[in-house]
Amino acid sequence: MNDLSTPSKTGQILVEEVLPHAPEVVWSVLTDGDRVGLWLMTPTGFKAEVGTRFTFQTKPAGAWDGTIRCEVLEVVENQRLSYAWRGGDDANVGYGSLLDTIVTFTLSAVPGGTKLRLVHAGFDLPRNESAITTMGEGWKKVVPRIGEVAGTQN
């Protein structure tokens, strides 16, 4: 039996929330590096421009130095922001395992505010089982913080 006989699956995290702010306000919170640091982690080198490479720093684990390497893939002002989210190391199991995913924020105007849809996709299962579980819980806390930060921008 070889590795090809057990194909991997991919998983994703989906979080949706209606925020009581205009899309332009939510967009500014998603695309300003200082504001991103208020609801997620402080990025280094972030600009909401396709092709921009930037990093986040988190807790290292094993062979992984804790650096999350990102690249902006799509920017549609006030509507959609997407970036690659890569980290981990092949030598790690569980936390810090190799991760090559995409985070996409989609904004839609709705009565009374903005529907924010976050999709973090491309988790290689079962290798990224720990990451999808931990990050899934994390994103559920992060998305409401985006609304809180937006509330301070009005």
C-alpha atoms as a PDB file:
ATOM      1  CA  MET A   1       0.000   0.000   0.000  1.00  0.00           C
ATOM      2  CA  ASN A   2       1.332   3.456  -0.842  1.00  0.00           C
ATOM      3  CA  ASP A   3       0.411   7.028   0.068  1.00  0.00           C
ATOM      4  CA  LEU A   4      -1.682   7.368  -3.097  1.00  0.00           C
ATOM      5  CA  SER A   5      -4.184   4.823  -1.771  1.00  0.00           C
ATOM      6  CA  THR A   6      -5.306   7.207   0.994  1.00  0.00           C
ATOM      7  CA  PRO A   7      -6.120  10.493  -0.734  1.00  0.00           C
ATOM      8  CA  SER A   8      -6.254  13.556   1.438  1.00  0.00           C
ATOM      9  CA  LYS A   9      -9.313  15.762   1.718  1.00  0.00           C
ATOM     10  CA  THR A  10      -9.440  19.499   2.070  1.00  0.00           C
ATOM     11  CA  GLY A  11     -11.419  21.392   4.649  1.00  0.00           C
ATOM     12  CA  GLN A  12     -12.422  24.952   5.251  1.00  0.00           C
ATOM     13  CA  ILE A  13     -13.606  27.290   7.974  1.00  0.00           C
ATOM     14  CA  LEU A  14     -16.656  29.470   7.334  1.00  0.00           C
ATOM     15  CA  VAL A  15     -17.748  32.288   9.648  1.00  0.00           C
ATOM     16  CA  GLU A  16     -20.491  34.771   8.749  1.00  0.00           C
ATOM     17  CA  GLU A  17     -21.699  37.713  10.784  1.00  0.00           C
ATOM     18  CA  VAL A  18     -23.719  40.855  10.147  1.00  0.00           C
ATOM     19  CA  LEU A  19     -21.896  43.903  11.468  1.00  0.00           C
ATOM     20  CA  PRO A  20     -23.748  47.185  12.117  1.00  0.00           C
ATOM     21  CA  HIS A  21     -21.339  49.216   9.968  1.00  0.00           C
ATOM     22  CA  ALA A  22     -21.177  50.268   6.318  1.00  0.00           C
ATOM     23  CA  PRO A  23     -19.025  48.107   4.012  1.00  0.00           C
ATOM     24  CA  GLU A  24     -16.546  50.995   3.627  1.00  0.00           C
ATOM     25  CA  VAL A  25     -15.980  51.069   7.395  1.00  0.00           C
ATOM     26  CA  VAL A  26     -15.506  47.305   7.651  1.00  0.00           C
ATOM     27  CA  TRP A  27     -13.219  47.422   4.605  1.00  0.00           C
ATOM     28  CA  SER A  28     -10.971  49.981   6.288  1.00  0.00           C
ATOM     29  CA  VAL A  29     -10.605  47.681   9.297  1.00  0.00           C
ATOM     30  CA  LEU A  30      -9.643  44.760   7.023  1.00  0.00           C
ATOM     31  CA  THR A  31      -7.151  46.719   4.921  1.00  0.00           C
ATOM     32  CA  ASP A  32      -5.311  49.017   7.342  1.00  0.00           C
ATOM     33  CA  GLY A  33      -2.347  47.193   8.896  1.00  0.00           C
ATOM     34  CA  ASP A  34      -2.602  49.050  12.218  1.00  0.00           C
ATOM     35  CA  ARG A  35      -6.284  48.139  12.506  1.00  0.00           C
ATOM     36  CA  VAL A  36      -5.624  44.509  11.512  1.00  0.00           C
ATOM     37  CA  GLY A  37      -3.336  44.359  14.534  1.00  0.00           C
ATOM     38  CA  LEU A  38      -6.291  45.273  16.752  1.00  0.00           C
ATOM     39  CA  TRP A  39      -8.426  42.277  15.762  1.00  0.00           C
ATOM     40  CA  LEU A  40      -5.950  39.612  14.586  1.00  0.00           C
ATOM     41  CA  MET A  41      -2.166  40.014  14.777  1.00  0.00           C
ATOM     42  CA  THR A  42       0.028  42.907  13.711  1.00  0.00           C
ATOM     43  CA  PRO A  43       1.146  42.261  10.123  1.00  0.00           C
ATOM     44  CA  THR A  44       4.612  43.174   8.862  1.00  0.00           C
ATOM     45  CA  GLY A  45       4.663  44.636   5.353  1.00  0.00           C
ATOM     46  CA  PHE A  46       0.910  44.481   4.720  1.00  0.00           C
ATOM     47  CA  LYS A  47      -0.751  46.542   1.980  1.00  0.00           C
ATOM     48  CA  ALA A  48      -4.081  45.725   0.349  1.00  0.00           C
ATOM     49  CA  GLU A  49      -2.454  45.435  -3.077  1.00  0.00           C
ATOM     50  CA  VAL A  50      -2.340  42.253  -5.160  1.00  0.00           C
ATOM     51  CA  GLY A  51       1.097  40.660  -4.978  1.00  0.00           C
ATOM     52  CA  THR A  52       2.067  42.210  -1.631  1.00  0.00           C
ATOM     53  CA  ARG A  53       3.872  39.720   0.580  1.00  0.00           C
ATOM     54  CA  PHE A  54       3.578  40.151   4.331  1.00  0.00           C
ATOM     55  CA  THR A  55       3.922  38.153   7.523  1.00  0.00           C
ATOM     56  CA  PHE A  56       2.287  37.541  10.870  1.00  0.00           C
ATOM     57  CA  GLN A  57       4.245  36.187  13.827  1.00  0.00           C
ATOM     58  CA  THR A  58       2.760  33.657  16.233  1.00  0.00           C
ATOM     59  CA  LYS A  59       3.986  31.029  18.689  1.00  0.00           C
ATOM     60  CA  PRO A  60       6.748  28.820  17.219  1.00  0.00           C
ATOM     61  CA  ALA A  61       6.447  25.036  17.371  1.00  0.00           C
ATOM     62  CA  GLY A  62       9.104  22.408  16.732  1.00  0.00           C
ATOM     63  CA  ALA A  63      10.780  23.032  13.377  1.00  0.00           C
ATOM     64  CA  TRP A  64       8.462  25.984  12.625  1.00  0.00           C
ATOM     65  CA  ASP A  65       9.579  29.505  13.613  1.00  0.00           C
ATOM     66  CA  GLY A  66       5.984  30.773  14.026  1.00  0.00           C
ATOM     67  CA  THR A  67       6.041  32.945  10.892  1.00  0.00           C
ATOM     68  CA  ILE A  68       2.871  32.981   8.797  1.00  0.00           C
ATOM     69  CA  ARG A  69       3.770  33.990   5.250  1.00  0.00           C
ATOM     70  CA  CYS A  70       1.019  35.683   3.301  1.00  0.00           C
ATOM     71  CA  GLU A  71       0.511  37.124  -0.163  1.00  0.00           C
ATOM     72  CA  VAL A  72      -2.410  39.297  -1.235  1.00  0.00           C
ATOM     73  CA  LEU A  73      -4.229  37.449  -4.034  1.00  0.00           C
ATOM     74  CA  GLU A  74      -7.339  39.556  -4.657  1.00  0.00           C
ATOM     75  CA  VAL A  75      -8.542  43.048  -3.771  1.00  0.00           C
ATOM     76  CA  VAL A  76     -11.987  44.290  -4.789  1.00  0.00           C
ATOM     77  CA  GLU A  77     -12.494  47.486  -2.815  1.00  0.00           C
ATOM     78  CA  ASN A  78     -15.291  47.304  -0.247  1.00  0.00           C
ATOM     79  CA  GLN A  79     -16.184  43.792  -1.456  1.00  0.00           C
ATOM     80  CA  ARG A  80     -13.465  41.141  -1.258  1.00  0.00           C
ATOM     81  CA  LEU A  81      -9.964  40.636   0.127  1.00  0.00           C
ATOM     82  CA  SER A  82      -8.107  37.355  -0.272  1.00  0.00           C
ATOM     83  CA  TYR A  83      -4.636  36.283   0.748  1.00  0.00           C
ATOM     84  CA  ALA A  84      -2.518  33.154   0.954  1.00  0.00           C
ATOM     85  CA  TRP A  85      -1.802  31.985   4.512  1.00  0.00           C
ATOM     86  CA  ARG A  86       1.213  29.669   4.722  1.00  0.00           C
ATOM     87  CA  GLY A  87       3.129  28.397   7.716  1.00  0.00           C
ATOM     88  CA  GLY A  88       4.224  25.406   9.668  1.00  0.00           C
ATOM     89  CA  ASP A  89       6.792  22.803   8.837  1.00  0.00           C
ATOM     90  CA  ASP A  90       6.598  19.345   7.281  1.00  0.00           C
ATOM     91  CA  ALA A  91       8.404  17.876  10.306  1.00  0.00           C
ATOM     92  CA  ASN A  92       5.645  18.958  12.714  1.00  0.00           C
ATOM     93  CA  VAL A  93       2.521  17.025  13.641  1.00  0.00           C
ATOM     94  CA  GLY A  94      -0.489  18.831  15.092  1.00  0.00           C
ATOM     95  CA  TYR A  95       0.194  22.478  15.924  1.00  0.00           C
ATOM     96  CA  GLY A  96       2.721  23.855  13.491  1.00  0.00           C
ATOM     97  CA  SER A  97       2.178  21.264  10.766  1.00  0.00           C
ATOM     98  CA  LEU A  98       2.707  22.478   7.204  1.00  0.00           C
ATOM     99  CA  LEU A  99      -0.166  24.747   6.152  1.00  0.00           C
ATOM    100  CA  ASP A 100      -0.892  26.237   2.703  1.00  0.00           C
ATOM    101  CA  THR A 101      -4.319  27.902   2.788  1.00  0.00           C
ATOM    102  CA  ILE A 102      -6.271  30.936   1.569  1.00  0.00           C
ATOM    103  CA  VAL A 103      -8.213  33.441   3.670  1.00  0.00           C
ATOM    104  CA  THR A 104     -11.016  35.349   1.928  1.00  0.00           C
ATOM    105  CA  PHE A 105     -13.180  38.107   3.373  1.00  0.00           C
ATOM    106  CA  THR A 106     -16.329  38.980   1.416  1.00  0.00           C
ATOM    107  CA  LEU A 107     -18.450  42.018   2.276  1.00  0.00           C
ATOM    108  CA  SER A 108     -22.095  42.470   1.271  1.00  0.00           C
ATOM    109  CA  ALA A 109     -24.272  45.464   2.111  1.00  0.00           C
ATOM    110  CA  VAL A 110     -27.389  44.407   4.016  1.00  0.00           C
ATOM    111  CA  PRO A 111     -30.084  46.454   5.751  1.00  0.00           C
ATOM    112  CA  GLY A 112     -28.456  47.959   8.824  1.00  0.00           C
ATOM    113  CA  GLY A 113     -24.865  47.114   7.983  1.00  0.00           C
ATOM    114  CA  THR A 114     -22.561  44.625   6.317  1.00  0.00           C
ATOM    115  CA  LYS A 115     -22.569  40.855   6.088  1.00  0.00           C
ATOM    116  CA  LEU A 116     -18.981  39.721   6.560  1.00  0.00           C
ATOM    117  CA  ARG A 117     -18.175  36.252   5.272  1.00  0.00           C
ATOM    118  CA  LEU A 118     -14.821  34.714   6.133  1.00  0.00           C
ATOM    119  CA  VAL A 119     -13.663  31.564   4.386  1.00  0.00           C
ATOM    120  CA  HIS A 120     -10.331  30.045   5.362  1.00  0.00           C
ATOM    121  CA  ALA A 121      -9.876  27.227   2.834  1.00  0.00           C
ATOM    122  CA  GLY A 122      -7.394  24.611   1.733  1.00  0.00           C
ATOM    123  CA  PHE A 123      -6.704  22.700   4.952  1.00  0.00           C
ATOM    124  CA  ASP A 124      -5.098  19.384   4.015  1.00  0.00           C
ATOM    125  CA  LEU A 125      -6.878  16.751   6.073  1.00  0.00           C
ATOM    126  CA  PRO A 126      -5.983  14.839   8.132  1.00  0.00           C
ATOM    127  CA  ARG A 127      -2.576  16.613   8.352  1.00  0.00           C
ATOM    128  CA  ASN A 128      -4.166  19.997   9.275  1.00  0.00           C
ATOM    129  CA  GLU A 129      -6.877  18.592  11.571  1.00  0.00           C
ATOM    130  CA  SER A 130      -5.398  20.380  14.596  1.00  0.00           C
ATOM    131  CA  ALA A 131      -5.104  23.671  12.699  1.00  0.00           C
ATOM    132  CA  ILE A 132      -8.652  23.631  11.308  1.00  0.00           C
ATOM    133  CA  THR A 133     -10.073  22.912  14.775  1.00  0.00           C
ATOM    134  CA  THR A 134      -8.011  25.530  16.609  1.00  0.00           C
ATOM    135  CA  MET A 135      -8.281  28.189  13.912  1.00  0.00           C
ATOM    136  CA  GLY A 136     -11.989  27.525  13.469  1.00  0.00           C
ATOM    137  CA  GLU A 137     -12.559  28.434  17.108  1.00  0.00           C
ATOM    138  CA  GLY A 138     -10.201  31.383  16.759  1.00  0.00           C
ATOM    139  CA  TRP A 139     -11.944  32.871  13.717  1.00  0.00           C
ATOM    140  CA  LYS A 140     -15.282  32.696  15.575  1.00  0.00           C
ATOM    141  CA  LYS A 141     -13.766  35.103  18.124  1.00  0.00           C
ATOM    142  CA  VAL A 142     -11.855  37.245  15.621  1.00  0.00           C
ATOM    143  CA  VAL A 143     -14.768  38.088  13.299  1.00  0.00           C
ATOM    144  CA  PRO A 144     -16.806  39.836  16.039  1.00  0.00           C
ATOM    145  CA  ARG A 145     -13.668  41.811  16.980  1.00  0.00           C
ATOM    146  CA  ILE A 146     -13.626  43.198  13.439  1.00  0.00           C
ATOM    147  CA  GLY A 147     -17.042  44.684  14.211  1.00  0.00           C
ATOM    148  CA  GLU A 148     -15.806  46.061  17.531  1.00  0.00           C
ATOM    149  CA  VAL A 149     -12.835  47.768  15.858  1.00  0.00           C
ATOM    150  CA  ALA A 150     -15.142  49.101  13.132  1.00  0.00           C
ATOM    151  CA  GLY A 151     -17.326  50.571  15.871  1.00  0.00           C
ATOM    152  CA  THR A 152     -14.413  52.678  17.060  1.00  0.00           C
ATOM    153  CA  GLN A 153     -13.883  54.053  13.527  1.00  0.00           C
ATOM    154  CA  ASN A 154     -17.301  55.685  13.094  1.00  0.00           C
END
